[in-house]
PDB file of N, CA and C in Angstrom:
ATOM      1  N   MET A   1     201.716 164.053 -93.781  1.00  0.00           N
ATOM      2  CA  MET A   1     203.127 163.767 -92.465  1.00  0.00           C
ATOM      3  C   MET A   1     203.141 164.958 -92.251  1.00  0.00           C
ATOM      4  N   ARG A   2     203.556 164.838 -90.552  1.00  0.00           N
ATOM      5  CA  ARG A   2     203.540 166.377 -89.929  1.00  0.00           C
ATOM      6  C   ARG A   2     205.331 165.844 -89.854  1.00  0.00           C
ATOM      7  N   ASN A   3     205.721 167.378 -89.331  1.00  0.00           N
ATOM      8  CA  ASN A   3     206.966 167.349 -89.085  1.00  0.00           C
ATOM      9  C   ASN A   3     207.183 167.128 -87.639  1.00  0.00           C
ATOM     10  N   GLN A   4     207.870 166.124 -87.396  1.00  0.00           N
ATOM     11  CA  GLN A   4     208.024 165.866 -85.581  1.00  0.00           C
ATOM     12  C   GLN A   4     208.910 166.568 -85.364  1.00  0.00           C
ATOM     13  N   LEU A   5     209.505 166.853 -85.325  1.00  0.00           N
ATOM     14  CA  LEU A   5     210.518 168.355 -84.657  1.00  0.00           C
ATOM     15  C   LEU A   5     209.452 169.459 -84.614  1.00  0.00           C
ATOM     16  N   LEU A   6     208.482 170.154 -85.147  1.00  0.00           N
ATOM     17  CA  LEU A   6     207.702 171.004 -85.009  1.00  0.00           C
ATOM     18  C   LEU A   6     206.769 170.912 -83.395  1.00  0.00           C
ATOM     19  N   GLU A   7     206.839 169.320 -83.341  1.00  0.00           N
ATOM     20  CA  GLU A   7     205.909 169.075 -82.249  1.00  0.00           C
ATOM     21  C   GLU A   7     206.294 169.063 -80.701  1.00  0.00           C
ATOM     22  N   ARG A   8     208.016 169.539 -80.456  1.00  0.00           N
ATOM     23  CA  ARG A   8     208.476 169.403 -79.642  1.00  0.00           C
ATOM     24  C   ARG A   8     209.113 170.651 -79.511  1.00  0.00           C
ATOM     25  N   PRO A   9     208.442 171.800 -79.017  1.00  0.00           N
ATOM     26  CA  PRO A   9     208.298 172.817 -78.539  1.00  0.00           C
ATOM     27  C   PRO A   9     210.264 173.495 -77.675  1.00  0.00           C
ATOM     28  N   VAL A  10     210.516 174.426 -77.792  1.00  0.00           N
ATOM     29  CA  VAL A  10     211.910 174.425 -77.042  1.00  0.00           C
ATOM     30  C   VAL A  10     211.804 175.183 -75.911  1.00  0.00           C
ATOM     31  N   ALA A  11     211.715 174.844 -74.175  1.00  0.00           N
ATOM     32  CA  ALA A  11     211.460 175.473 -73.277  1.00  0.00           C
ATOM     33  C   ALA A  11     211.967 176.747 -73.472  1.00  0.00           C
ATOM     34  N   VAL A  12     211.170 177.521 -72.937  1.00  0.00           N
ATOM     35  CA  VAL A  12     211.973 178.878 -73.016  1.00  0.00           C
ATOM     36  C   VAL A  12     212.052 179.159 -71.317  1.00  0.00           C
ATOM     37  N   GLN A  13     214.011 179.824 -71.614  1.00  0.00           N
ATOM     38  CA  GLN A  13     214.855 180.488 -70.388  1.00  0.00           C
ATOM     39  C   GLN A  13     215.132 181.633 -69.993  1.00  0.00           C
ATOM     40  N   HIS A  14     215.776 181.601 -69.111  1.00  0.00           N
ATOM     41  CA  HIS A  14     216.016 182.733 -69.001  1.00  0.00           C
ATOM     42  C   HIS A  14     217.304 182.906 -69.256  1.00  0.00           C
ATOM     43  N   ASN A  15     217.889 183.071 -70.315  1.00  0.00           N
ATOM     44  CA  ASN A  15     218.951 183.317 -70.988  1.00  0.00           C
ATOM     45  C   ASN A  15     218.619 184.440 -71.932  1.00  0.00           C
ATOM     46  N   ILE A  16     218.063 185.392 -72.489  1.00  0.00           N
ATOM     47  CA  ILE A  16     217.709 186.554 -73.633  1.00  0.00           C
ATOM     48  C   ILE A  16     219.009 187.213 -73.847  1.00  0.00           C
ATOM     49  N   ARG A  17     219.432 188.022 -72.327  1.00  0.00           N
ATOM     50  CA  ARG A  17     220.353 188.628 -72.581  1.00  0.00           C
ATOM     51  C   ARG A  17     221.769 187.532 -73.451  1.00  0.00           C
ATOM     52  N   ASP A  18     221.732 186.582 -72.818  1.00  0.00           N
ATOM     53  CA  ASP A  18     223.162 185.704 -73.300  1.00  0.00           C
ATOM     54  C   ASP A  18     222.721 185.446 -75.036  1.00  0.00           C
ATOM     55  N   LEU A  19     221.339 185.375 -75.642  1.00  0.00           N
ATOM     56  CA  LEU A  19     221.410 184.619 -76.490  1.00  0.00           C
ATOM     57  C   LEU A  19     221.190 186.281 -77.578  1.00  0.00           C
ATOM     58  N   ARG A  20     221.025 187.441 -76.849  1.00  0.00           N
ATOM     59  CA  ARG A  20     220.891 188.632 -77.842  1.00  0.00           C
ATOM     60  C   ARG A  20     222.626 188.620 -78.139  1.00  0.00           C
ATOM     61  N   LEU A  21     223.495 188.659 -76.944  1.00  0.00           N
ATOM     62  CA  LEU A  21     224.553 188.915 -77.391  1.00  0.00           C
ATOM     63  C   LEU A  21     224.860 187.894 -78.308  1.00  0.00           C
ATOM     64  N   ALA A  22     224.855 186.844 -78.735  1.00  0.00           N
ATOM     65  CA  ALA A  22     225.371 185.660 -79.282  1.00  0.00           C
ATOM     66  C   ALA A  22     224.720 186.108 -80.386  1.00  0.00           C
ATOM     67  N   ALA A  23     223.847 186.783 -80.612  1.00  0.00           N
ATOM     68  CA  ALA A  23     223.284 186.978 -81.934  1.00  0.00           C
ATOM     69  C   ALA A  23     223.821 188.243 -82.628  1.00  0.00           C
ATOM     70  N   GLY A  24     224.497 188.823 -81.795  1.00  0.00           N
ATOM     71  CA  GLY A  24     225.131 189.788 -82.315  1.00  0.00           C
ATOM     72  C   GLY A  24     223.997 191.535 -82.133  1.00  0.00           C
ATOM     73  N   LEU A  25     223.159 191.263 -81.413  1.00  0.00           N
ATOM     74  CA  LEU A  25     222.465 192.391 -81.415  1.00  0.00           C
ATOM     75  C   LEU A  25     222.664 193.142 -80.263  1.00  0.00           C
ATOM     76  N   SER A  26     222.417 194.369 -80.703  1.00  0.00           N
ATOM     77  CA  SER A  26     222.150 195.486 -79.417  1.00  0.00           C
ATOM     78  C   SER A  26     220.503 195.219 -78.786  1.00  0.00           C
ATOM     79  N   GLN A  27     220.668 195.976 -77.251  1.00  0.00           N
ATOM     80  CA  GLN A  27     219.132 196.235 -77.222  1.00  0.00           C
ATOM     81  C   GLN A  27     218.627 196.590 -77.738  1.00  0.00           C
ATOM     82  N   GLN A  28     218.759 197.800 -78.723  1.00  0.00           N
ATOM     83  CA  GLN A  28     218.017 198.633 -79.578  1.00  0.00           C
ATOM     84  C   GLN A  28     217.067 197.899 -80.904  1.00  0.00           C
ATOM     85  N   SER A  29     218.634 197.382 -81.633  1.00  0.00           N
ATOM     86  CA  SER A  29     218.488 196.056 -82.864  1.00  0.00           C
ATOM     87  C   SER A  29     217.621 195.006 -82.513  1.00  0.00           C
ATOM     88  N   ALA A  30     217.625 194.647 -81.128  1.00  0.00           N
ATOM     89  CA  ALA A  30     216.709 193.771 -80.964  1.00  0.00           C
ATOM     90  C   ALA A  30     215.202 193.752 -80.696  1.00  0.00           C
ATOM     91  N   ALA A  31     215.027 195.177 -79.817  1.00  0.00           N
ATOM     92  CA  ALA A  31     213.792 195.626 -79.691  1.00  0.00           C
ATOM     93  C   ALA A  31     212.869 195.952 -81.460  1.00  0.00           C
ATOM     94  N   GLU A  32     213.773 196.227 -82.501  1.00  0.00           N
ATOM     95  CA  GLU A  32     213.044 196.484 -83.480  1.00  0.00           C
ATOM     96  C   GLU A  32     212.809 195.298 -83.993  1.00  0.00           C
ATOM     97  N   ARG A  33     213.803 194.365 -84.024  1.00  0.00           N
ATOM     98  CA  ARG A  33     214.030 192.892 -85.088  1.00  0.00           C
ATOM     99  C   ARG A  33     211.997 192.653 -84.323  1.00  0.00           C
ATOM    100  N   PHE A  34     212.119 192.564 -83.143  1.00  0.00           N
ATOM    101  CA  PHE A  34     210.987 191.925 -82.318  1.00  0.00           C
ATOM    102  C   PHE A  34     210.054 193.256 -82.605  1.00  0.00           C
ATOM    103  N   ASP A  35     209.837 194.416 -83.532  1.00  0.00           N
ATOM    104  CA  ASP A  35     208.847 195.284 -83.291  1.00  0.00           C
ATOM    105  C   ASP A  35     208.362 195.553 -82.178  1.00  0.00           C
ATOM    106  N   LEU A  36     209.201 195.870 -81.287  1.00  0.00           N
ATOM    107  CA  LEU A  36     208.991 196.414 -79.571  1.00  0.00           C
ATOM    108  C   LEU A  36     209.296 197.504 -79.119  1.00  0.00           C
ATOM    109  N   SER A  37     209.174 197.942 -78.468  1.00  0.00           N
ATOM    110  CA  SER A  37     210.036 199.749 -78.141  1.00  0.00           C
ATOM    111  C   SER A  37     211.979 198.899 -77.236  1.00  0.00           C
ATOM    112  N   LEU A  38     212.521 200.074 -77.470  1.00  0.00           N
ATOM    113  CA  LEU A  38     213.382 199.308 -76.546  1.00  0.00           C
ATOM    114  C   LEU A  38     213.126 199.048 -75.388  1.00  0.00           C
ATOM    115  N   ARG A  39     212.003 200.128 -74.381  1.00  0.00           N
ATOM    116  CA  ARG A  39     211.888 200.124 -72.575  1.00  0.00           C
ATOM    117  C   ARG A  39     211.531 198.688 -72.668  1.00  0.00           C
ATOM    118  N   VAL A  40     210.076 197.878 -74.107  1.00  0.00           N
ATOM    119  CA  VAL A  40     209.509 196.750 -73.514  1.00  0.00           C
ATOM    120  C   VAL A  40     210.565 195.444 -73.329  1.00  0.00           C
ATOM    121  N   TRP A  41     211.825 195.614 -74.963  1.00  0.00           N
ATOM    122  CA  TRP A  41     212.933 194.654 -74.375  1.00  0.00           C
ATOM    123  C   TRP A  41     213.804 195.206 -73.663  1.00  0.00           C
ATOM    124  N   GLN A  42     213.586 195.696 -72.805  1.00  0.00           N
ATOM    125  CA  GLN A  42     215.054 196.124 -71.679  1.00  0.00           C
ATOM    126  C   GLN A  42     213.889 195.178 -70.421  1.00  0.00           C
ATOM    127  N   THR A  43     212.831 195.356 -70.263  1.00  0.00           N
ATOM    128  CA  THR A  43     211.412 194.434 -69.412  1.00  0.00           C
ATOM    129  C   THR A  43     211.617 193.232 -69.402  1.00  0.00           C
ATOM    130  N   LYS A  44     211.248 192.649 -70.810  1.00  0.00           N
ATOM    131  CA  LYS A  44     211.556 191.462 -71.286  1.00  0.00           C
ATOM    132  C   LYS A  44     213.172 190.475 -70.825  1.00  0.00           C
ATOM    133  N   GLU A  45     214.407 191.497 -70.552  1.00  0.00           N
ATOM    134  CA  GLU A  45     215.670 191.033 -70.393  1.00  0.00           C
ATOM    135  C   GLU A  45     215.999 191.405 -68.909  1.00  0.00           C
ATOM    136  N   SER A  46     214.908 191.854 -68.328  1.00  0.00           N
ATOM    137  CA  SER A  46     215.331 192.200 -66.889  1.00  0.00           C
ATOM    138  C   SER A  46     216.011 191.348 -66.092  1.00  0.00           C
ATOM    139  N   ALA A  47     217.076 191.172 -64.895  1.00  0.00           N
ATOM    140  CA  ALA A  47     217.152 190.174 -64.268  1.00  0.00           C
ATOM    141  C   ALA A  47     215.796 190.057 -63.284  1.00  0.00           C
ATOM    142  N   LYS A  48     215.028 190.819 -62.674  1.00  0.00           N
ATOM    143  CA  LYS A  48     214.065 190.815 -61.875  1.00  0.00           C
ATOM    144  C   LYS A  48     213.047 190.055 -62.626  1.00  0.00           C
ATOM    145  N   ASN A  49     212.789 189.837 -63.705  1.00  0.00           N
ATOM    146  CA  ASN A  49     211.844 189.303 -63.986  1.00  0.00           C
ATOM    147  C   ASN A  49     212.072 188.988 -65.889  1.00  0.00           C
ATOM    148  N   PRO A  50     212.924 187.922 -65.816  1.00  0.00           N
ATOM    149  CA  PRO A  50     213.218 187.655 -66.875  1.00  0.00           C
ATOM    150  C   PRO A  50     211.968 186.161 -67.631  1.00  0.00           C
ATOM    151  N   GLY A  51     212.688 186.247 -69.247  1.00  0.00           N
ATOM    152  CA  GLY A  51     211.684 185.189 -69.495  1.00  0.00           C
ATOM    153  C   GLY A  51     210.671 185.185 -70.250  1.00  0.00           C
ATOM    154  N   GLN A  52     209.949 186.599 -70.605  1.00  0.00           N
ATOM    155  CA  GLN A  52     208.606 187.165 -70.998  1.00  0.00           C
ATOM    156  C   GLN A  52     208.490 187.054 -72.454  1.00  0.00           C
ATOM    157  N   LEU A  53     209.763 186.675 -72.916  1.00  0.00           N
ATOM    158  CA  LEU A  53     209.604 186.019 -74.318  1.00  0.00           C
ATOM    159  C   LEU A  53     208.046 185.010 -74.699  1.00  0.00           C
ATOM    160  N   SER A  54     207.463 185.044 -75.881  1.00  0.00           N
ATOM    161  CA  SER A  54     206.544 184.358 -76.214  1.00  0.00           C
ATOM    162  C   SER A  54     207.467 183.552 -76.924  1.00  0.00           C
ATOM    163  N   GLN A  55     206.457 181.556 -77.142  1.00  0.00           N
ATOM    164  CA  GLN A  55     207.688 180.331 -77.930  1.00  0.00           C
ATOM    165  C   GLN A  55     208.325 181.003 -79.064  1.00  0.00           C
ATOM    166  N   GLY A  56     207.567 182.088 -80.097  1.00  0.00           N
ATOM    167  CA  GLY A  56     208.013 181.787 -81.392  1.00  0.00           C
ATOM    168  C   GLY A  56     209.014 182.834 -81.320  1.00  0.00           C
ATOM    169  N   GLU A  57     209.115 184.098 -79.763  1.00  0.00           N
ATOM    170  CA  GLU A  57     210.182 185.081 -80.082  1.00  0.00           C
ATOM    171  C   GLU A  57     211.144 184.167 -79.275  1.00  0.00           C
ATOM    172  N   TYR A  58     211.233 183.216 -78.902  1.00  0.00           N
ATOM    173  CA  TYR A  58     211.972 182.401 -78.139  1.00  0.00           C
ATOM    174  C   TYR A  58     213.105 181.973 -78.950  1.00  0.00           C
ATOM    175  N   GLU A  59     212.292 180.860 -79.856  1.00  0.00           N
ATOM    176  CA  GLU A  59     212.878 180.453 -81.031  1.00  0.00           C
ATOM    177  C   GLU A  59     213.745 180.911 -82.316  1.00  0.00           C
ATOM    178  N   LEU A  60     213.380 182.267 -82.633  1.00  0.00           N
ATOM    179  CA  LEU A  60     213.676 182.997 -83.309  1.00  0.00           C
ATOM    180  C   LEU A  60     214.988 184.052 -82.823  1.00  0.00           C
ATOM    181  N   LEU A  61     214.870 183.761 -81.697  1.00  0.00           N
ATOM    182  CA  LEU A  61     216.063 184.611 -80.849  1.00  0.00           C
ATOM    183  C   LEU A  61     217.263 182.948 -80.806  1.00  0.00           C
ATOM    184  N   LEU A  62     217.053 181.931 -80.501  1.00  0.00           N
ATOM    185  CA  LEU A  62     217.751 180.829 -80.496  1.00  0.00           C
ATOM    186  C   LEU A  62     218.510 180.911 -82.087  1.00  0.00           C
ATOM    187  N   LEU A  63     217.435 180.978 -83.359  1.00  0.00           N
ATOM    188  CA  LEU A  63     217.869 181.180 -84.219  1.00  0.00           C
ATOM    189  C   LEU A  63     219.185 181.606 -84.379  1.00  0.00           C
ATOM    190  N   LEU A  64     218.530 183.180 -84.670  1.00  0.00           N
ATOM    191  CA  LEU A  64     219.357 184.565 -84.560  1.00  0.00           C
ATOM    192  C   LEU A  64     220.782 183.807 -84.065  1.00  0.00           C
ATOM    193  N   ALA A  65     220.750 183.436 -82.878  1.00  0.00           N
ATOM    194  CA  ALA A  65     222.430 182.941 -81.922  1.00  0.00           C
ATOM    195  C   ALA A  65     222.558 181.967 -82.405  1.00  0.00           C
ATOM    196  N   GLY A  66     221.969 181.150 -83.437  1.00  0.00           N
ATOM    197  CA  GLY A  66     222.442 180.013 -83.372  1.00  0.00           C
ATOM    198  C   GLY A  66     222.658 178.487 -82.572  1.00  0.00           C
ATOM    199  N   GLN A  67     221.718 178.586 -81.717  1.00  0.00           N
ATOM    200  CA  GLN A  67     221.781 177.377 -80.842  1.00  0.00           C
ATOM    201  C   GLN A  67     220.580 177.076 -80.782  1.00  0.00           C
ATOM    202  N   HIS A  68     219.847 177.090 -81.771  1.00  0.00           N
ATOM    203  CA  HIS A  68     218.200 176.087 -81.840  1.00  0.00           C
ATOM    204  C   HIS A  68     218.927 174.727 -81.659  1.00  0.00           C
ATOM    205  N   PRO A  69     218.105 174.511 -80.824  1.00  0.00           N
ATOM    206  CA  PRO A  69     218.416 172.557 -80.783  1.00  0.00           C
ATOM    207  C   PRO A  69     218.051 171.915 -81.962  1.00  0.00           C
ATOM    208  N   TYR A  70     216.964 172.298 -83.084  1.00  0.00           N
ATOM    209  CA  TYR A  70     216.421 171.590 -83.604  1.00  0.00           C
ATOM    210  C   TYR A  70     217.054 171.947 -85.538  1.00  0.00           C
ATOM    211  N   PHE A  71     217.426 173.404 -85.694  1.00  0.00           N
ATOM    212  CA  PHE A  71     216.777 174.063 -86.166  1.00  0.00           C
ATOM    213  C   PHE A  71     218.450 175.124 -87.253  1.00  0.00           C
ATOM    214  N   ALA A  72     219.013 175.643 -87.613  1.00  0.00           N
ATOM    215  CA  ALA A  72     220.030 176.447 -88.507  1.00  0.00           C
ATOM    216  C   ALA A  72     219.014 176.667 -89.476  1.00  0.00           C
ATOM    217  N   LEU A  73     219.549 178.675 -89.439  1.00  0.00           N
ATOM    218  CA  LEU A  73     219.502 180.029 -90.655  1.00  0.00           C
ATOM    219  C   LEU A  73     221.006 179.070 -91.779  1.00  0.00           C
ATOM    220  N   VAL A  74     220.100 179.705 -92.642  1.00  0.00           N
ATOM    221  CA  VAL A  74     221.297 178.987 -93.421  1.00  0.00           C
ATOM    222  C   VAL A  74     220.977 180.155 -94.378  1.00  0.00           C
ATOM    223  N   SER A  75     222.457 181.170 -94.984  1.00  0.00           N
ATOM    224  CA  SER A  75     222.140 182.569 -95.900  1.00  0.00           C
ATOM    225  C   SER A  75     221.561 181.417 -97.079  1.00  0.00           C
ATOM    226  N   GLN A  76     220.838 182.412 -97.818  1.00  0.00           N
ATOM    227  CA  GLN A  76     220.132 181.733 -99.660  1.00  0.00           C
ATOM    228  C   GLN A  76     221.043 182.550-100.268  1.00  0.00           C
ATOM    229  N   GLN A  77     221.687 181.989-101.299  1.00  0.00           N
ATOM    230  CA  GLN A  77     222.541 181.760-102.631  1.00  0.00           C
ATOM    231  C   GLN A  77     222.099 182.888-103.258  1.00  0.00           C
ATOM    232  N   LYS A  78     222.493 183.970-103.702  1.00  0.00           N
ATOM    233  CA  LYS A  78     221.653 185.245-104.828  1.00  0.00           C
ATOM    234  C   LYS A  78     221.483 184.402-106.250  1.00  0.00           C
ATOM    235  N   LYS A  79     220.495 184.648-106.772  1.00  0.00           N
ATOM    236  CA  LYS A  79     220.822 184.016-108.309  1.00  0.00           C
ATOM    237  C   LYS A  79     220.700 185.188-109.132  1.00  0.00           C
TER     238      LYS A  79
END
């Protein structure tokens, strides 16, 4: 049985900077997290042409910011 939540992608919006700040990331740390150069990240966050994240990148940023509508990150307990 397929997970119904995975069939409903979250629409990518133009709030990349707000999500990055909510996740507590600097532009440099966000670029490193997504394996991008700082300049590429700044372009993705640009007010002139925002919203250039892929679906996966956007949903990960939502998770890191604690704003994903379907899922939440949960810390693992060390054994």
